[in-house]
């Protein structure tokens, strides 16, 4: 099970739980990790903003 704690519009915390992770989400996570490693090793370029945007999508997809 995975959990994420977020803040709502009123600033109150709430937790979302997911009992399992879809195979597609795991593939996307592994792909994202490889992209980050390529950037860190100097084999690819990605702005920090693009990296954060991709990370948000990967995490959000895990809870859909």
PDB file of N, CA and C in Angstrom:
ATOM      1  N   UNK A   1       0.852  -1.168   0.000  1.00  0.00           N
ATOM      2  CA  UNK A   1       0.000   0.000   0.000  1.00  0.00           C
ATOM      3  C   UNK A   1       0.902   1.236   0.000  1.00  0.00           C
ATOM      4  N   UNK A   2       0.506   2.227  -0.776  1.00  0.00           N
ATOM      5  CA  UNK A   2       1.222   3.502  -0.763  1.00  0.00           C
ATOM      6  C   UNK A   2       0.264   4.583  -0.298  1.00  0.00           C
ATOM      7  N   UNK A   3       0.842   5.605   0.313  1.00  0.00           N
ATOM      8  CA  UNK A   3       0.055   6.722   0.836  1.00  0.00           C
ATOM      9  C   UNK A   3       0.718   8.029   0.432  1.00  0.00           C
ATOM     10  N   UNK A   4      -0.110   9.048   0.283  1.00  0.00           N
ATOM     11  CA  UNK A   4       0.402  10.401   0.071  1.00  0.00           C
ATOM     12  C   UNK A   4      -0.460  11.346   0.902  1.00  0.00           C
ATOM     13  N   UNK A   5       0.199  12.261   1.586  1.00  0.00           N
ATOM     14  CA  UNK A   5      -0.507  13.250   2.392  1.00  0.00           C
ATOM     15  C   UNK A   5      -0.411  14.594   1.680  1.00  0.00           C
ATOM     16  N   UNK A   6      -1.571  15.210   1.475  1.00  0.00           N
ATOM     17  CA  UNK A   6      -1.665  16.464   0.738  1.00  0.00           C
ATOM     18  C   UNK A   6      -2.369  17.519   1.575  1.00  0.00           C
ATOM     19  N   UNK A   7      -2.317  18.757   1.108  1.00  0.00           N
ATOM     20  CA  UNK A   7      -3.052  19.850   1.732  1.00  0.00           C
ATOM     21  C   UNK A   7      -4.198  20.248   0.816  1.00  0.00           C
ATOM     22  N   UNK A   8      -5.385  20.461   1.389  1.00  0.00           N
ATOM     23  CA  UNK A   8      -6.506  20.935   0.578  1.00  0.00           C
ATOM     24  C   UNK A   8      -6.491  22.462   0.512  1.00  0.00           C
ATOM     25  N   UNK A   9      -7.503  23.041  -0.097  1.00  0.00           N
ATOM     26  CA  UNK A   9      -7.554  24.488  -0.285  1.00  0.00           C
ATOM     27  C   UNK A   9      -7.576  25.269   1.025  1.00  0.00           C
ATOM     28  N   UNK A  10      -8.105  24.647   2.082  1.00  0.00           N
ATOM     29  CA  UNK A  10      -8.158  25.313   3.391  1.00  0.00           C
ATOM     30  C   UNK A  10      -6.884  25.088   4.213  1.00  0.00           C
ATOM     31  N   UNK A  11      -5.920  24.377   3.648  1.00  0.00           N
ATOM     32  CA  UNK A  11      -4.672  24.111   4.355  1.00  0.00           C
ATOM     33  C   UNK A  11      -4.740  22.924   5.294  1.00  0.00           C
ATOM     34  N   UNK A  12      -5.809  22.123   5.196  1.00  0.00           N
ATOM     35  CA  UNK A  12      -5.943  20.934   6.043  1.00  0.00           C
ATOM     36  C   UNK A  12      -5.335  19.730   5.334  1.00  0.00           C
ATOM     37  N   UNK A  13      -4.620  18.906   6.111  1.00  0.00           N
ATOM     38  CA  UNK A  13      -4.002  17.715   5.566  1.00  0.00           C
ATOM     39  C   UNK A  13      -5.032  16.608   5.370  1.00  0.00           C
ATOM     40  N   UNK A  14      -4.843  15.852   4.300  1.00  0.00           N
ATOM     41  CA  UNK A  14      -5.625  14.633   4.097  1.00  0.00           C
ATOM     42  C   UNK A  14      -4.731  13.601   3.421  1.00  0.00           C
ATOM     43  N   UNK A  15      -5.009  12.340   3.679  1.00  0.00           N
ATOM     44  CA  UNK A  15      -4.180  11.254   3.168  1.00  0.00           C
ATOM     45  C   UNK A  15      -4.979  10.425   2.167  1.00  0.00           C
ATOM     46  N   UNK A  16      -4.330  10.102   1.064  1.00  0.00           N
ATOM     47  CA  UNK A  16      -4.914   9.243   0.045  1.00  0.00           C
ATOM     48  C   UNK A  16      -4.106   7.947   0.049  1.00  0.00           C
ATOM     49  N   UNK A  17      -4.815   6.817   0.058  1.00  0.00           N
ATOM     50  CA  UNK A  17      -4.154   5.516   0.067  1.00  0.00           C
ATOM     51  C   UNK A  17      -4.495   4.749  -1.204  1.00  0.00           C
ATOM     52  N   UNK A  18      -3.524   4.024  -1.694  1.00  0.00           N
ATOM     53  CA  UNK A  18      -3.726   3.176  -2.862  1.00  0.00           C
ATOM     54  C   UNK A  18      -3.255   1.778  -2.475  1.00  0.00           C
ATOM     55  N   UNK A  19      -4.129   0.789  -2.616  1.00  0.00           N
ATOM     56  CA  UNK A  19      -3.784  -0.566  -2.192  1.00  0.00           C
ATOM     57  C   UNK A  19      -2.737  -1.207  -3.084  1.00  0.00           C
ATOM     58  N   UNK A  20      -2.751  -0.885  -4.358  1.00  0.00           N
ATOM     59  CA  UNK A  20      -1.773  -1.477  -5.270  1.00  0.00           C
ATOM     60  C   UNK A  20      -1.402  -0.451  -6.340  1.00  0.00           C
ATOM     61  N   UNK A  21      -0.312  -0.744  -7.013  1.00  0.00           N
ATOM     62  CA  UNK A  21       0.174   0.135  -8.076  1.00  0.00           C
ATOM     63  C   UNK A  21       0.019  -0.603  -9.396  1.00  0.00           C
ATOM     64  N   UNK A  22      -0.551   0.071 -10.388  1.00  0.00           N
ATOM     65  CA  UNK A  22      -0.720  -0.532 -11.708  1.00  0.00           C
ATOM     66  C   UNK A  22       0.644  -0.743 -12.367  1.00  0.00           C
ATOM     67  N   UNK A  23       0.727  -1.760 -13.186  1.00  0.00           N
ATOM     68  CA  UNK A  23       1.964  -2.059 -13.905  1.00  0.00           C
ATOM     69  C   UNK A  23       2.388  -0.869 -14.754  1.00  0.00           C
ATOM     70  N   UNK A  24       1.448  -0.196 -15.378  1.00  0.00           N
ATOM     71  CA  UNK A  24       1.756   0.971 -16.200  1.00  0.00           C
ATOM     72  C   UNK A  24       2.435   2.059 -15.358  1.00  0.00           C
ATOM     73  N   UNK A  25       1.943   2.271 -14.145  1.00  0.00           N
ATOM     74  CA  UNK A  25       2.540   3.277 -13.262  1.00  0.00           C
ATOM     75  C   UNK A  25       3.965   2.895 -12.878  1.00  0.00           C
ATOM     76  N   UNK A  26       4.197   1.605 -12.633  1.00  0.00           N
ATOM     77  CA  UNK A  26       5.555   1.153 -12.304  1.00  0.00           C
ATOM     78  C   UNK A  26       6.500   1.360 -13.487  1.00  0.00           C
ATOM     79  N   UNK A  27       6.012   1.059 -14.693  1.00  0.00           N
ATOM     80  CA  UNK A  27       6.826   1.283 -15.890  1.00  0.00           C
ATOM     81  C   UNK A  27       7.168   2.760 -16.051  1.00  0.00           C
ATOM     82  N   UNK A  28       6.186   3.627 -15.826  1.00  0.00           N
ATOM     83  CA  UNK A  28       6.408   5.072 -15.932  1.00  0.00           C
ATOM     84  C   UNK A  28       7.411   5.553 -14.888  1.00  0.00           C
ATOM     85  N   UNK A  29       7.338   5.001 -13.685  1.00  0.00           N
ATOM     86  CA  UNK A  29       8.267   5.368 -12.619  1.00  0.00           C
ATOM     87  C   UNK A  29       9.694   4.947 -12.978  1.00  0.00           C
ATOM     88  N   UNK A  30       9.849   3.734 -13.490  1.00  0.00           N
ATOM     89  CA  UNK A  30      11.174   3.246 -13.888  1.00  0.00           C
ATOM     90  C   UNK A  30      11.723   4.084 -15.042  1.00  0.00           C
ATOM     91  N   UNK A  31      10.865   4.430 -15.996  1.00  0.00           N
ATOM     92  CA  UNK A  31      11.286   5.271 -17.122  1.00  0.00           C
ATOM     93  C   UNK A  31      11.723   6.652 -16.637  1.00  0.00           C
ATOM     94  N   UNK A  32      10.948   7.236 -15.714  1.00  0.00           N
ATOM     95  CA  UNK A  32      11.304   8.545 -15.165  1.00  0.00           C
ATOM     96  C   UNK A  32      12.647   8.471 -14.439  1.00  0.00           C
ATOM     97  N   UNK A  33      12.833   7.423 -13.663  1.00  0.00           N
ATOM     98  CA  UNK A  33      14.097   7.251 -12.932  1.00  0.00           C
ATOM     99  C   UNK A  33      15.279   7.185 -13.908  1.00  0.00           C
ATOM    100  N   UNK A  34      15.118   6.464 -15.001  1.00  0.00           N
ATOM    101  CA  UNK A  34      16.179   6.371 -16.012  1.00  0.00           C
ATOM    102  C   UNK A  34      16.465   7.736 -16.634  1.00  0.00           C
ATOM    103  N   UNK A  35      15.415   8.517 -16.879  1.00  0.00           N
ATOM    104  CA  UNK A  35      15.602   9.858 -17.440  1.00  0.00           C
ATOM    105  C   UNK A  35      16.382  10.746 -16.471  1.00  0.00           C
ATOM    106  N   UNK A  36      16.057  10.674 -15.186  1.00  0.00           N
ATOM    107  CA  UNK A  36      16.752  11.471 -14.174  1.00  0.00           C
ATOM    108  C   UNK A  36      18.214  11.048 -14.095  1.00  0.00           C
ATOM    109  N   UNK A  37      18.469   9.741 -14.112  1.00  0.00           N
ATOM    110  CA  UNK A  37      19.861   9.266 -14.075  1.00  0.00           C
ATOM    111  C   UNK A  37      20.646   9.754 -15.291  1.00  0.00           C
ATOM    112  N   UNK A  38      20.015   9.759 -16.456  1.00  0.00           N
ATOM    113  CA  UNK A  38      20.688  10.240 -17.671  1.00  0.00           C
ATOM    114  C   UNK A  38      21.059  11.712 -17.531  1.00  0.00           C
ATOM    115  N   UNK A  39      20.181  12.496 -16.941  1.00  0.00           N
ATOM    116  CA  UNK A  39      20.464  13.918 -16.718  1.00  0.00           C
ATOM    117  C   UNK A  39      21.618  14.061 -15.723  1.00  0.00           C
ATOM    118  N   UNK A  40      21.558  13.305 -14.636  1.00  0.00           N
ATOM    119  CA  UNK A  40      22.604  13.391 -13.611  1.00  0.00           C
ATOM    120  C   UNK A  40      23.962  12.969 -14.150  1.00  0.00           C
ATOM    121  N   UNK A  41      23.980  12.020 -15.094  1.00  0.00           N
ATOM    122  CA  UNK A  41      25.234  11.539 -15.680  1.00  0.00           C
ATOM    123  C   UNK A  41      25.719  12.407 -16.838  1.00  0.00           C
ATOM    124  N   UNK A  42      24.937  13.436 -17.192  1.00  0.00           N
ATOM    125  CA  UNK A  42      25.332  14.334 -18.267  1.00  0.00           C
ATOM    126  C   UNK A  42      25.029  13.800 -19.655  1.00  0.00           C
ATOM    127  N   UNK A  43      24.250  12.717 -19.748  1.00  0.00           N
ATOM    128  CA  UNK A  43      23.926  12.127 -21.048  1.00  0.00           C
ATOM    129  C   UNK A  43      22.656  12.702 -21.659  1.00  0.00           C
ATOM    130  N   UNK A  44      21.962  13.540 -20.912  1.00  0.00           N
ATOM    131  CA  UNK A  44      20.709  14.120 -21.377  1.00  0.00           C
ATOM    132  C   UNK A  44      20.509  15.449 -20.657  1.00  0.00           C
ATOM    133  N   UNK A  45      19.622  16.258 -21.194  1.00  0.00           N
ATOM    134  CA  UNK A  45      19.309  17.536 -20.559  1.00  0.00           C
ATOM    135  C   UNK A  45      17.817  17.615 -20.270  1.00  0.00           C
ATOM    136  N   UNK A  46      17.501  18.173 -19.112  1.00  0.00           N
ATOM    137  CA  UNK A  46      16.113  18.416 -18.727  1.00  0.00           C
ATOM    138  C   UNK A  46      16.138  19.521 -17.676  1.00  0.00           C
ATOM    139  N   UNK A  47      15.277  20.500 -17.835  1.00  0.00           N
ATOM    140  CA  UNK A  47      15.251  21.568 -16.835  1.00  0.00           C
ATOM    141  C   UNK A  47      14.645  21.026 -15.541  1.00  0.00           C
ATOM    142  N   UNK A  48      14.935  21.703 -14.451  1.00  0.00           N
ATOM    143  CA  UNK A  48      14.363  21.292 -13.169  1.00  0.00           C
ATOM    144  C   UNK A  48      12.844  21.364 -13.198  1.00  0.00           C
ATOM    145  N   UNK A  49      12.312  22.368 -13.880  1.00  0.00           N
ATOM    146  CA  UNK A  49      10.866  22.514 -13.992  1.00  0.00           C
ATOM    147  C   UNK A  49      10.252  21.328 -14.738  1.00  0.00           C
ATOM    148  N   UNK A  50      10.876  20.922 -15.846  1.00  0.00           N
ATOM    149  CA  UNK A  50      10.385  19.756 -16.587  1.00  0.00           C
ATOM    150  C   UNK A  50      10.457  18.488 -15.733  1.00  0.00           C
ATOM    151  N   UNK A  51      11.530  18.361 -14.965  1.00  0.00           N
ATOM    152  CA  UNK A  51      11.702  17.190 -14.107  1.00  0.00           C
ATOM    153  C   UNK A  51      10.597  17.136 -13.043  1.00  0.00           C
ATOM    154  N   UNK A  52      10.312  18.270 -12.429  1.00  0.00           N
ATOM    155  CA  UNK A  52       9.264  18.330 -11.407  1.00  0.00           C
ATOM    156  C   UNK A  52       7.899  18.051 -12.029  1.00  0.00           C
ATOM    157  N   UNK A  53       7.638  18.616 -13.206  1.00  0.00           N
ATOM    158  CA  UNK A  53       6.366  18.373 -13.880  1.00  0.00           C
ATOM    159  C   UNK A  53       6.167  16.888 -14.170  1.00  0.00           C
ATOM    160  N   UNK A  54       7.214  16.230 -14.663  1.00  0.00           N
ATOM    161  CA  UNK A  54       7.118  14.798 -14.952  1.00  0.00           C
ATOM    162  C   UNK A  54       6.918  13.991 -13.666  1.00  0.00           C
ATOM    163  N   UNK A  55       7.605  14.387 -12.596  1.00  0.00           N
ATOM    164  CA  UNK A  55       7.467  13.685 -11.329  1.00  0.00           C
ATOM    165  C   UNK A  55       6.041  13.796 -10.800  1.00  0.00           C
ATOM    166  N   UNK A  56       5.448  14.958 -10.907  1.00  0.00           N
ATOM    167  CA  UNK A  56       4.065  15.163 -10.454  1.00  0.00           C
ATOM    168  C   UNK A  56       3.115  14.245 -11.218  1.00  0.00           C
ATOM    169  N   UNK A  57       3.297  14.144 -12.516  1.00  0.00           N
ATOM    170  CA  UNK A  57       2.434  13.283 -13.338  1.00  0.00           C
ATOM    171  C   UNK A  57       2.594  11.816 -12.935  1.00  0.00           C
ATOM    172  N   UNK A  58       3.831  11.376 -12.733  1.00  0.00           N
ATOM    173  CA  UNK A  58       4.079   9.983 -12.337  1.00  0.00           C
ATOM    174  C   UNK A  58       3.408   9.678 -11.010  1.00  0.00           C
ATOM    175  N   UNK A  59       3.585  10.552 -10.030  1.00  0.00           N
ATOM    176  CA  UNK A  59       2.981  10.319  -8.706  1.00  0.00           C
ATOM    177  C   UNK A  59       1.467  10.370  -8.780  1.00  0.00           C
ATOM    178  N   UNK A  60       0.925  11.361  -9.474  1.00  0.00           N
ATOM    179  CA  UNK A  60      -0.532  11.484  -9.592  1.00  0.00           C
ATOM    180  C   UNK A  60      -1.145  10.251 -10.235  1.00  0.00           C
ATOM    181  N   UNK A  61      -0.480   9.727 -11.273  1.00  0.00           N
ATOM    182  CA  UNK A  61      -0.997   8.543 -11.960  1.00  0.00           C
ATOM    183  C   UNK A  61      -1.058   7.326 -11.046  1.00  0.00           C
ATOM    184  N   UNK A  62      -0.190   7.265 -10.061  1.00  0.00           N
ATOM    185  CA  UNK A  62      -0.202   6.124  -9.137  1.00  0.00           C
ATOM    186  C   UNK A  62      -1.474   6.094  -8.284  1.00  0.00           C
ATOM    187  N   UNK A  63      -2.088   7.239  -8.115  1.00  0.00           N
ATOM    188  CA  UNK A  63      -3.270   7.334  -7.251  1.00  0.00           C
ATOM    189  C   UNK A  63      -4.561   7.451  -8.054  1.00  0.00           C
ATOM    190  N   UNK A  64      -4.521   7.175  -9.334  1.00  0.00           N
ATOM    191  CA  UNK A  64      -5.730   7.234 -10.165  1.00  0.00           C
ATOM    192  C   UNK A  64      -6.298   5.851 -10.345  1.00  0.00           C
TER     193      UNK A  64
END
